[in-house]
Amino acid sequence: MIASLDGLKVSRRSVIYSAGRRRRDADLIEQGELLASSFDRVTIYFDSSCNDRTPAELFALFRTGADRAAKRRATEWLDVLEQRAALQKAAIQLAAGELLLVQTEDDGVEPTVDLVQRMLSVPSGRHVEGTQPARPTDSQSAAFT
């Protein structure tokens, strides 16, 4: 998936990412390295299904990987406790021509998809081709707090 990003003509690459329960430390470190070398803005959130480590432990493993990235692309790295807060921050910062990749929570694919669709004002189950997501208004942002 990461290799396919190089073919996209986007102004910036952002990702909202996490890992759920029972992930090996080495895998999280490797994912952190890949994220730091492939995205300009990285937001790590604590997946609510993660019951085998603390948020601080999860964030530290991803950052260890980011620090190992040979060619670090990421200029912004943020650790956030909840996915909703990460999505809200991304929606406010999202600019035209920017790619935003969202990793869903292990136990919450549908709620994540619904939330993103509401944030971008796209009716459920409908893809609007050829459009760029608009920056949310203050009232849209307030709806997700």
Protein backbone atom coordinates (compact mmCIF):
# COMPACT_ATOMS: atom_id res chain seq x y z
CA MET A 1 0.00 0.00 0.00
CA ILE A 2 2.78 2.43 0.88
CA ALA A 3 4.44 1.98 -2.54
CA SER A 4 1.19 2.95 -4.28
CA LEU A 5 1.33 6.41 -2.66
CA ASP A 6 4.23 7.45 -4.88
CA GLY A 7 1.94 7.39 -7.92
CA LEU A 8 -0.54 9.82 -6.39
CA LYS A 9 -0.31 13.50 -7.17
CA VAL A 10 -1.11 15.01 -3.79
CA SER A 11 0.22 18.10 -2.07
CA ARG A 12 0.63 16.40 1.27
CA ARG A 13 0.23 12.97 2.83
CA SER A 14 -1.38 12.64 6.25
CA VAL A 15 -2.26 9.53 8.23
CA ILE A 16 -4.31 8.77 11.31
CA TYR A 17 -3.11 5.43 12.58
CA SER A 18 -3.15 3.02 15.49
CA ALA A 19 -2.87 -0.63 16.35
CA GLY A 20 -5.28 -2.70 18.36
CA ARG A 21 -4.66 -5.44 20.84
CA ARG A 22 -2.04 -8.17 20.63
CA ARG A 23 0.46 -6.53 18.30
CA ARG A 24 4.12 -7.43 18.63
CA ASP A 25 6.46 -4.65 19.69
CA ALA A 26 8.65 -5.25 16.63
CA ASP A 27 5.65 -4.82 14.31
CA LEU A 28 4.69 -1.49 15.89
CA ILE A 29 8.26 -0.25 15.61
CA GLU A 30 8.35 -1.26 11.93
CA GLN A 31 5.00 0.46 11.31
CA GLY A 32 6.30 3.63 12.96
CA GLU A 33 9.31 3.59 10.64
CA LEU A 34 7.10 3.14 7.57
CA LEU A 35 4.72 5.91 8.64
CA ALA A 36 7.55 8.38 9.31
CA SER A 37 9.15 7.68 5.94
CA SER A 38 5.89 7.78 3.95
CA PHE A 39 3.73 10.58 5.38
CA ASP A 40 4.22 14.30 6.04
CA ARG A 41 1.86 14.40 9.02
CA VAL A 42 1.40 11.40 11.32
CA THR A 43 -1.23 11.21 14.04
CA ILE A 44 -1.15 8.14 16.27
CA TYR A 45 -4.20 7.47 18.40
CA PHE A 46 -4.83 4.89 21.10
CA ASP A 47 -7.15 2.17 19.74
CA SER A 48 -9.85 1.50 22.35
CA SER A 49 -9.53 -2.26 21.76
CA CYS A 50 -5.89 -2.21 22.88
CA ASN A 51 -6.02 -3.83 26.29
CA ASP A 52 -2.51 -5.21 26.54
CA ARG A 53 -0.51 -1.97 26.83
CA THR A 54 -0.90 1.64 27.92
CA PRO A 55 -1.20 4.59 25.55
CA ALA A 56 2.31 5.71 26.55
CA GLU A 57 3.74 2.30 25.65
CA LEU A 58 1.98 2.28 22.27
CA PHE A 59 3.10 5.82 21.43
CA ALA A 60 6.70 5.05 22.47
CA LEU A 61 6.90 2.00 20.19
CA PHE A 62 5.64 3.93 17.16
CA ARG A 63 8.08 6.78 17.94
CA THR A 64 10.97 4.33 18.25
CA GLY A 65 10.25 3.23 14.71
CA ALA A 66 9.91 6.83 13.51
CA ASP A 67 13.31 7.63 15.00
CA ARG A 68 14.81 4.73 13.02
CA ALA A 69 13.47 5.93 9.65
CA ALA A 70 16.38 6.28 7.25
CA LYS A 71 14.60 8.90 5.12
CA ARG A 72 12.13 10.60 7.42
CA ARG A 73 9.39 12.41 5.54
CA ALA A 74 7.23 13.25 8.56
CA THR A 75 7.60 16.81 9.77
CA GLU A 76 4.64 16.58 12.16
CA TRP A 77 3.98 13.76 14.65
CA LEU A 78 1.12 13.84 17.12
CA ASP A 79 -0.02 11.34 19.76
CA VAL A 80 -3.74 11.53 20.59
CA LEU A 81 -5.70 9.47 23.10
CA GLU A 82 -8.90 9.04 21.05
CA GLN A 83 -9.62 8.42 17.38
CA ARG A 84 -12.45 10.98 17.33
CA ALA A 85 -10.08 13.74 18.49
CA ALA A 86 -7.53 12.70 15.86
CA LEU A 87 -10.18 12.79 13.12
CA GLN A 88 -11.49 16.16 14.24
CA LYS A 89 -8.01 17.70 14.24
CA ALA A 90 -7.30 16.25 10.79
CA ALA A 91 -10.57 17.57 9.37
CA ILE A 92 -9.70 21.08 10.52
CA GLN A 93 -6.20 20.90 9.02
CA LEU A 94 -7.14 19.11 5.79
CA ALA A 95 -6.36 21.12 2.68
CA ALA A 96 -7.38 20.67 -0.95
CA GLY A 97 -5.15 18.17 -2.69
CA GLU A 98 -4.11 16.48 0.55
CA LEU A 99 -4.34 12.72 1.05
CA LEU A 100 -5.68 11.56 4.41
CA LEU A 101 -5.40 7.86 5.22
CA VAL A 102 -7.44 6.72 8.24
CA GLN A 103 -6.78 3.43 10.03
CA THR A 104 -9.99 2.29 11.72
CA GLU A 105 -10.14 0.89 15.23
CA ASP A 106 -10.07 -2.90 15.40
CA ASP A 107 -13.57 -3.00 16.87
CA GLY A 108 -15.04 -0.06 14.99
CA VAL A 109 -14.86 -0.01 11.19
CA GLU A 110 -18.44 1.14 10.57
CA PRO A 111 -18.44 3.91 13.22
CA THR A 112 -15.20 5.27 11.75
CA VAL A 113 -16.57 5.26 8.20
CA ASP A 114 -19.79 6.96 9.37
CA LEU A 115 -17.85 9.62 11.29
CA VAL A 116 -15.57 10.40 8.34
CA GLN A 117 -18.56 10.62 5.99
CA ARG A 118 -20.29 13.06 8.35
CA MET A 119 -17.12 15.12 8.70
CA LEU A 120 -16.83 15.40 4.95
CA SER A 121 -20.60 15.82 4.46
CA VAL A 122 -20.81 12.79 2.16
CA PRO A 123 -24.09 10.83 2.38
CA SER A 124 -23.56 7.29 3.64
CA GLY A 125 -22.73 4.82 0.87
CA ARG A 126 -22.21 7.56 -1.73
CA HIS A 127 -18.89 8.46 -3.33
CA VAL A 128 -18.65 11.89 -4.86
CA GLU A 129 -16.14 11.70 -7.71
CA GLY A 130 -14.06 14.65 -8.75
CA THR A 131 -14.61 16.62 -5.57
CA GLN A 132 -12.23 17.71 -2.88
CA PRO A 133 -13.37 17.62 0.73
CA ALA A 134 -14.20 21.08 1.98
CA ARG A 135 -12.67 22.37 5.14
CA PRO A 136 -15.33 21.94 7.83
CA THR A 137 -17.12 25.01 9.11
CA ASP A 138 -17.12 25.81 12.80
CA SER A 139 -20.56 24.25 13.14
CA GLN A 140 -19.36 21.03 11.45
CA SER A 141 -16.34 20.86 13.74
CA ALA A 142 -18.52 21.43 16.78
CA ALA A 143 -20.71 18.48 15.76
CA PHE A 144 -17.84 16.08 16.41
CA THR A 145 -16.86 17.17 19.91
